[in-house]
Structure formats: structure tokens, C-alpha cells
Amino acid sequence: MPGAAKKPSRKALVEEYLRRNRPAEIDAPALAALRRYVIEGLGEGARVSNRYLLDLLESTDVPIARELGGLPPDLRGRVHFHDLAAAEASLRDLLQEDEMARAAANSRRLEDCRHAVLQAKERLEMILRRAGLSPAKRAEKAGWSCASGRYNKNSAAKPRSCSGLSFRIGPHAVDGVHPIVNRASRALGRQVEYLWWSCQDWGFRVYDGPARTKMVSRGA
């Protein structure tokens, strides 16, 4: 008896949909249509999230509407989590983009840089949820988790005028301090909380341990 035909992957169905329909832009209605197409292709009971579909779409050159968190093609996939060095280098790269946008008073570009960092955070969380991820890789990448959340209004140590986003990069935590912390600029993470905060010296910081801190780059 011949085996059952292999179902197409989610990625293959997305590519097929784009070839057949050639959308000028992925907006909310187009995303809903794509999701229906993928679910129908996978079969009854299949599930697929909008975030997963957007993650696949970001690897294409199809424009994605800003209301869906769409980024310019040159900012897509700019944060990498292949290894620790790649994570640090790509965040440093985005910080430079942010600084250029700030110097040019380009608020739209600043917002796009922020979204690029936040989307990378979501992508890392998706990687950590994969059932097939090896225990060693899971443990390694779990140490690179990204801290986010709105400010605690009762915290006098974190004034609302100093918002930012912190990527915690390192194999383990010691009393809440990771060995390496990559910190994006304030504009990269408006309304997102730093774990380690100073309004005077934001940028990338390398934490060698709870008592030793080395500044890599500095913001103004």
C-alpha cells in the first residue's frame, strides 16, 4: 500500500501563495487570506500563528504593512542568534543604525530600528519553543533571552523619560546579572524596560560578573 503523500511545509505553502497571488503588500486582510491558505494546505486541525507567518514573510522581499510591524527590507533579519558573537555584533550594528537615524532626526527610521529589535526578541522566543531544539541548544539560547516589559510606575530607579531595551546575552545568571549584556539605545526600546539601567551611560556593556563591568560603547 503506497504511503500517504507528504504534506507541504508551512514555508512551502507561504511561497506557493506568494507565487500564485503576487500581493503588492501584506496588510491585515492579505495576512488573513494567507493564514487561511496555509491552514487549508496543512489539513484539518492545523494551527499557524500570524507571528510565524510574518517571520517567514520577513525573509522575502514582499512589503509588509507598518501596522503589522513591517520593516524596510534592509532591517529585516538584522539581529542574529547563531552564536553569542553574532548576537552581540548584530545588536551593535543596529545601534549604529539608530545613532545615524537620531543624527538625521529621522523618527520613522528610529521606530523601525526599535521594531527590528523587538521582532528579534519574538523570534528568539519562538526558537526556544521549538519541540525539536536540542537540550544543549535550548540551554545556550535561553541564556540569550531578551528582557522586555513596561516600566513599573512605582520604580523611582527607572524614570519614564529613560526607556530602553536590554538583551541579556550569556550562559547563566548570577544574582540577576548575566556575564554579557547587549544594550540597545533608548530609541530602540521605548516603553521597554532595561534590567540594568543608567540614564547617563547606555549602549553596549559587557558584564564579566556581578562586580566587574566593562563599557564597550557609550551613548549620549
Protein backbone atom coordinates (compact mmCIF):
# COMPACT_ATOMS: atom_id res chain seq x y z
CA MET A 1 0.00 0.00 0.00
CA PRO A 2 1.58 3.27 -1.03
CA GLY A 3 2.43 5.69 1.75
CA ALA A 4 0.40 8.81 2.31
CA ALA A 5 1.52 11.87 0.40
CA LYS A 6 3.76 14.12 2.44
CA LYS A 7 2.09 17.35 3.48
CA PRO A 8 3.77 20.57 2.35
CA SER A 9 5.56 22.63 4.96
CA ARG A 10 4.26 25.97 6.18
CA LYS A 11 7.14 27.71 4.43
CA ALA A 12 6.38 25.95 1.13
CA LEU A 13 2.72 26.97 1.36
CA VAL A 14 3.65 30.60 2.01
CA GLU A 15 5.96 30.60 -1.02
CA GLU A 16 3.23 28.97 -3.12
CA TYR A 17 0.68 31.58 -2.05
CA LEU A 18 3.04 34.42 -2.94
CA ARG A 19 3.76 32.94 -6.38
CA ARG A 20 0.07 32.47 -7.15
CA ASN A 21 -1.28 35.74 -5.78
CA ARG A 22 1.66 38.16 -6.00
CA PRO A 23 0.34 40.59 -3.36
CA ALA A 24 1.63 44.14 -3.68
CA GLU A 25 1.73 44.36 0.12
CA ILE A 26 0.85 42.16 3.06
CA ASP A 27 -1.74 44.07 5.08
CA ALA A 28 -4.22 42.65 7.61
CA PRO A 29 -6.68 41.24 5.01
CA ALA A 30 -3.85 39.72 2.95
CA LEU A 31 -2.34 38.15 6.06
CA ALA A 32 -5.71 36.64 6.99
CA ALA A 33 -6.06 35.21 3.46
CA LEU A 34 -2.54 33.77 3.63
CA ARG A 35 -3.26 32.18 7.01
CA ARG A 36 -6.42 30.53 5.64
CA TYR A 37 -4.48 29.24 2.64
CA VAL A 38 -1.75 27.73 4.81
CA ILE A 39 -4.22 26.10 7.22
CA GLU A 40 -6.19 24.60 4.32
CA GLY A 41 -2.97 23.27 2.82
CA LEU A 42 -1.90 21.67 6.09
CA GLY A 43 -5.23 19.99 6.66
CA GLU A 44 -7.89 19.80 9.34
CA GLY A 45 -6.77 20.76 12.82
CA ALA A 46 -3.66 22.61 11.65
CA ARG A 47 -2.61 25.71 13.52
CA VAL A 48 -0.40 28.58 12.46
CA SER A 49 0.09 31.96 14.09
CA ASN A 50 0.23 35.33 12.38
CA ARG A 51 3.60 35.95 14.03
CA TYR A 52 5.02 32.79 12.48
CA LEU A 53 3.73 33.79 9.04
CA LEU A 54 5.19 37.27 9.40
CA ASP A 55 8.51 35.74 10.40
CA LEU A 56 8.51 33.74 7.16
CA LEU A 57 7.44 36.77 5.13
CA GLU A 58 10.33 38.80 6.52
CA SER A 59 12.73 36.54 4.62
CA THR A 60 11.10 37.63 1.35
CA ASP A 61 11.09 40.96 -0.46
CA VAL A 62 7.29 41.37 -0.23
CA PRO A 63 6.39 44.65 1.53
CA ILE A 64 4.67 44.24 4.91
CA ALA A 65 2.34 46.97 6.17
CA ARG A 66 3.65 49.05 9.05
CA GLU A 67 0.55 48.34 11.12
CA LEU A 68 1.65 44.69 11.11
CA GLY A 69 5.14 45.66 12.24
CA GLY A 70 6.53 45.61 8.71
CA LEU A 71 10.15 46.69 8.32
CA PRO A 72 12.13 48.06 5.39
CA PRO A 73 13.92 45.17 3.64
CA ASP A 74 17.34 46.36 4.85
CA LEU A 75 16.28 46.00 8.50
CA ARG A 76 14.77 42.53 8.21
CA GLY A 77 16.67 39.77 9.95
CA ARG A 78 19.41 42.09 11.17
CA VAL A 79 19.63 40.52 14.64
CA HIS A 80 21.21 37.06 14.60
CA PHE A 81 21.25 34.35 17.24
CA HIS A 82 23.57 31.80 15.63
CA ASP A 83 26.03 32.26 18.48
CA LEU A 84 27.00 34.76 21.14
CA ALA A 85 29.34 36.76 18.90
CA ALA A 86 26.70 37.06 16.16
CA ALA A 87 24.12 38.29 18.66
CA GLU A 88 26.45 40.96 20.02
CA ALA A 89 27.70 42.09 16.60
CA SER A 90 24.23 42.39 15.09
CA LEU A 91 22.88 44.39 18.03
CA ARG A 92 25.88 46.69 17.80
CA ASP A 93 25.09 47.09 14.09
CA LEU A 94 21.51 48.12 14.86
CA LEU A 95 22.69 50.59 17.47
CA GLN A 96 24.76 52.29 14.77
CA GLU A 97 21.67 52.46 12.54
CA ASP A 98 19.80 54.03 15.42
CA GLU A 99 22.51 56.62 16.02
CA MET A 100 22.52 57.62 12.34
CA ALA A 101 18.73 57.96 12.36
CA ARG A 102 18.90 60.06 15.53
CA ALA A 103 21.54 62.34 14.00
CA ALA A 104 19.32 62.81 10.95
CA ALA A 105 16.23 63.39 13.14
CA ASN A 106 14.55 60.54 11.26
CA SER A 107 11.82 59.44 13.67
CA ARG A 108 10.41 56.87 11.24
CA ARG A 109 13.78 55.14 10.95
CA LEU A 110 14.19 55.22 14.73
CA GLU A 111 10.85 53.47 15.14
CA ASP A 112 11.82 50.89 12.52
CA CYS A 113 15.06 50.14 14.39
CA ARG A 114 13.08 49.64 17.59
CA HIS A 115 10.70 47.24 15.85
CA ALA A 116 13.64 45.30 14.40
CA VAL A 117 14.92 44.63 17.91
CA LEU A 118 11.50 43.70 19.30
CA GLN A 119 10.84 41.33 16.39
CA ALA A 120 14.18 39.66 17.06
CA LYS A 121 13.06 39.15 20.66
CA GLU A 122 9.89 37.43 19.45
CA ARG A 123 11.88 35.29 17.02
CA LEU A 124 14.18 34.09 19.80
CA GLU A 125 11.17 33.19 21.93
CA MET A 126 9.78 31.15 19.01
CA ILE A 127 13.09 29.31 18.65
CA LEU A 128 13.04 28.40 22.33
CA ARG A 129 9.54 26.92 21.96
CA ARG A 130 10.53 24.52 19.16
CA ALA A 131 10.00 20.92 20.20
CA GLY A 132 12.95 19.70 18.13
CA LEU A 133 15.52 22.06 19.64
CA SER A 134 18.28 20.06 21.32
CA PRO A 135 18.65 20.44 25.11
CA ALA A 136 22.15 21.88 24.64
CA LYS A 137 20.99 24.50 22.13
CA ARG A 138 17.94 25.31 24.24
CA ALA A 139 20.09 25.90 27.32
CA GLU A 140 22.53 28.02 25.32
CA LYS A 141 19.92 30.22 23.68
CA ALA A 142 17.80 30.51 26.82
CA GLY A 143 20.70 32.46 28.30
CA TRP A 144 20.28 34.99 25.50
CA SER A 145 16.71 35.83 26.48
CA CYS A 146 15.51 39.36 25.94
CA ALA A 147 14.02 41.31 28.80
CA SER A 148 11.05 43.46 27.95
CA GLY A 149 8.04 44.98 29.63
CA ARG A 150 6.63 48.34 30.51
CA TYR A 151 8.09 50.31 33.33
CA ASN A 152 6.89 49.78 36.85
CA LYS A 153 5.33 53.14 37.65
CA ASN A 154 6.32 52.67 41.30
CA SER A 155 10.01 52.29 40.48
CA ALA A 156 11.87 55.53 41.17
CA ALA A 157 15.07 53.99 39.76
CA LYS A 158 13.66 53.77 36.21
CA PRO A 159 12.13 57.12 35.20
CA ARG A 160 9.81 57.01 32.20
CA SER A 161 11.99 59.52 30.34
CA CYS A 162 14.73 56.89 30.15
CA SER A 163 13.23 53.93 28.34
CA GLY A 164 15.16 51.22 26.55
CA LEU A 165 15.52 47.56 25.75
CA SER A 166 18.02 45.12 27.16
CA PHE A 167 19.18 41.93 25.51
CA ARG A 168 20.60 39.64 28.15
CA ILE A 169 23.31 37.56 26.49
CA GLY A 170 25.17 34.90 28.43
CA PRO A 171 25.20 31.25 29.54
CA HIS A 172 23.80 31.83 33.01
CA ALA A 173 22.68 34.45 35.50
CA VAL A 174 24.38 35.34 38.77
CA ASP A 175 22.07 37.20 41.12
CA GLY A 176 20.27 38.64 38.12
CA VAL A 177 23.42 39.71 36.27
CA HIS A 178 24.35 37.90 33.05
CA PRO A 179 28.02 37.72 32.03
CA ILE A 180 27.34 39.67 28.83
CA VAL A 181 24.62 42.25 28.31
CA ASN A 182 23.97 43.90 24.95
CA ARG A 183 22.00 47.06 25.49
CA ALA A 184 20.28 48.84 22.64
CA SER A 185 19.73 52.59 22.75
CA ARG A 186 16.77 54.30 24.35
CA ALA A 187 15.07 54.82 20.99
CA LEU A 188 15.39 51.12 20.12
CA GLY A 189 13.18 50.20 23.02
CA ARG A 190 10.84 52.99 24.01
CA GLN A 191 8.43 51.81 26.70
CA VAL A 192 10.52 48.69 27.19
CA GLU A 193 12.47 48.09 30.38
CA TYR A 194 16.19 47.70 30.92
CA LEU A 195 17.25 45.21 33.54
CA TRP A 196 20.36 47.28 34.20
CA TRP A 197 19.68 50.95 33.84
CA SER A 198 21.54 54.21 33.82
CA CYS A 199 20.32 57.33 32.04
CA GLN A 200 23.92 58.52 31.75
CA ASP A 201 25.61 55.52 30.10
CA TRP A 202 23.53 53.46 27.76
CA GLY A 203 24.99 51.44 24.92
CA PHE A 204 26.64 48.03 24.90
CA ARG A 205 28.02 46.79 28.17
CA VAL A 206 29.94 43.61 28.88
CA TYR A 207 29.33 42.15 32.33
CA ASP A 208 32.19 39.85 33.37
CA GLY A 209 30.37 39.13 36.61
CA PRO A 210 28.35 40.86 39.33
CA ALA A 211 31.27 43.01 40.45
CA ARG A 212 33.09 43.72 37.17
CA THR A 213 31.68 45.81 34.32
CA LYS A 214 33.38 46.84 31.10
CA MET A 215 31.92 49.51 28.82
CA VAL A 216 32.06 48.58 25.13
CA SER A 217 30.34 51.59 23.62
CA ARG A 218 28.59 54.60 25.02
CA GLY A 219 25.53 56.64 24.10
CA ALA A 220 24.94 60.27 24.91
